[in-house]
Amino acid sequence: MQRGSLGVLRLRLWLWLLAVSASTAVLAADPSKEPFTIRISCGSFDDIRTAPTNTLWYRDFGYTGGRFANATRPSFIIPPLKTLRHFPLSDGPENCYYINNVPNGHYQVRLFFALVADPNLDSEPIFDVSVEGTLFSSLLLGWSSEDEKTFAEALVFVQDSSLSICFHSTGHGDPSILSIEVLQIDDNAYKFGPSWGKGTILRTAKRLTCGSGKPAFDEDLNGIHWGGDRFWLGVKTLSSSSDDQPISTENVIAETLLAPNFYPQSIYQSAIVGTDRQPSLSFEMDVTPNRNYSVWLHFAEIENGITAEEERVFDVLINGDTAFKDIDIIRMAGERFTALVLNKTIVVTGTTLTIVLQPLKGTRATISAIEVFEIILAEKKTLTQEVSALRTVKGSLGLPLRLGWNGDPCVPQQHPWSGVECQFDDIKGHWVIDGLGLDNQGLRGFIPSDISKLQHLQSINLSGNSIKGNIPVTLGTISGLQVLDLSYNELNGSIPDSLGQLASLQILNLNGNYLSGRVPASLGGRPLHRARFNFTDNAGLCGIPGLHECGPHLSVAAKIGMAFGVLVAILFLVVFAACWWKRRQNIRRAQKLAAAREAPYAKSRTQFTRDMQMAKHHRPHESSRSGNDESTPHLLPS
């Protein structure tokens, strides 16, 4: 008994150690190895390297559609690239970059925007941006005149080795993209609390390095690549109306470049401090109301006059509430010139976020850097098999380019695909397709059998197009289908018996096509049960009231067999006629020959021929006799 309990205990311990080691291997970044990185110079036909860090940008090939154009960079912080890709509304309202073969993990995705260098185009487009189906950025009027608004950045988990980044037109200009960066970071980077994980996306709302006044990327600050090459906007004051003062040091700062965020040392070598006249510090920024935000505050005690604990103590208030109390940097960090990072998640109901550092001991507050992220719940995607089926439908029906149908059909919820109706399935935890409304869209293809993979469809309306071919038998397997409108197309063939299996079908419009054959009996009586079916304007249909009567109903195989039999019979008749005609010709030739022999001249000629033949027959005997008896006298004919 004890041995059994001990064995179970050891097994549990072994499994626990295995789980811990596995999770550590997955989550911890190895600074000695390079993270996965891809940078795309949109619209470029060639790979490009840019100064001063010789950064490699890959050419834009095979990721998306759209148009190429030369770029006008509205901001000095934008990478020095010369081309962009833009998406006219005629190409569809949604256009996406699909980046495949991305290792699963945590990534910083950053997009820079620019203007098309063409005076004939709208100088400043307004559009939305989503990543993995989740809307995270909206470019509003005036974005091109503010440095921080010329790019969008999000921290997102890649879970299926691919990444989709989509641009959604709002009807105001063509979305125009200068560059895309996908930079792997530590899987635990910016872990803000229990709700953090693969179901959340962090949008960078603000990132400031205080005191330097110079904007910089992590690479400029001697950071490492696992930090994601963050962009820091340099400021010398937190408010234009305050008396803040910048300070700096060249001393080495401890506890930097550590996992999981890998902050560069340089952001702690400068700071903003209050003054004797205004010892507190205050920072305010605009935010989207009723959202959650993750606030990261960075400190290091670098001021010469502060050398020990209790010499500077302050509270941090966010939107009037105390977020951190009795902050003593030296005490909390352990010593001077040591980095300290504090994080707080807050709910903002208004349109502004305010951070106030209020001194308690000492005379002035201080801060080195500020990061603010909007916490966005990642959208649940549409079922993969239904997305695949819709793409098959798109190709088979020949959807016009203007409809788009790129990205995820149901998310972001602000931009679903045109003609697609979605419903969230609580059981499966995904969006499903419950309606197709593509009537009068100029479709000229055919209905694919894979449409049956949209098993949650309740309504299909493809009326008023030029769709050809047969009605797929597989439509009868969509058990929940209530409305099927295929009227006024160019469909042919017969109505599949399988449609009679649709017990929920209430409206069936097949009128205005080229259908033929007998209407299935299972459908013929359905209108008596409060259903509305329309089979008119199909010259070949028969078998129910309102249509002409059917003859003997033959299957397709029977019709093929009958046609083959008729063909064989015709061939037999042709051969028989040819033989009869040949025989008739021979008989007539023989008759003519016999008649010719009965003529008088022919008789005399025939008799003469016979006499000559007889004479030739007897001459050898006569010469034989004359040869033997030379004395025999020769008789002359009289």
Foldseek 3Di string as FASTA:
>chain_A
DVVVVVVVVVVVVVVVVVVVVVVCVAFFDDLVDFFDKAKAQAQAPQWDFADDVRDIHGYDPDFWDADKAFWDQLDPVDTPGTIKGWHDLLLAQKIKGKFAQADWAKKKKKWFFTAGPDPVFQGDFWWWKDKQQATDDTQDPPLSNDPVSRMWIKIATDDPRMIMMMIGHPPGTIGMTRMMMIAAAGRCAPVFDDVDDNQKMWIWPAKAFEQPQDKAWCVVLVFGRNLVRDIHHYDDAQDPPFPKGKDFDPDFAPPACDPRNRHGRRLARMKIKHDLVGQKGKHKDFDDAFFKKKKKFKYFADDPVDFDWPQWFWFKDKPRHTPGHGDTPCVVQVGGRYMDMDMDMDHGHDGMIMIMIGTDHHRHDMTGMMTMITMDGHDAAAPPLQLVLVVVQCVQQVQRSSQPSDRTQPGPVVDHGPQWDWDQDPVVRYIATAGGGQDQRQTAGEGDLSVLSSLNHQEYAHYHYAHEEEDHLSVLVSQNHAYDAHAQYAYEEEDHLSVLNNPNHAEAEHANYQYAFEDHPSPQPVVVVNGYYHHYNHLHYEDHPPHHHDDPGDDPVVVVVVVVVVVVVVVVVVVVVVVVVVVVVVVVVVVVVVVVCPDVVNVVVVVVVVVVVVVVVCVVVVVVVCVVPVPDDDDDDD
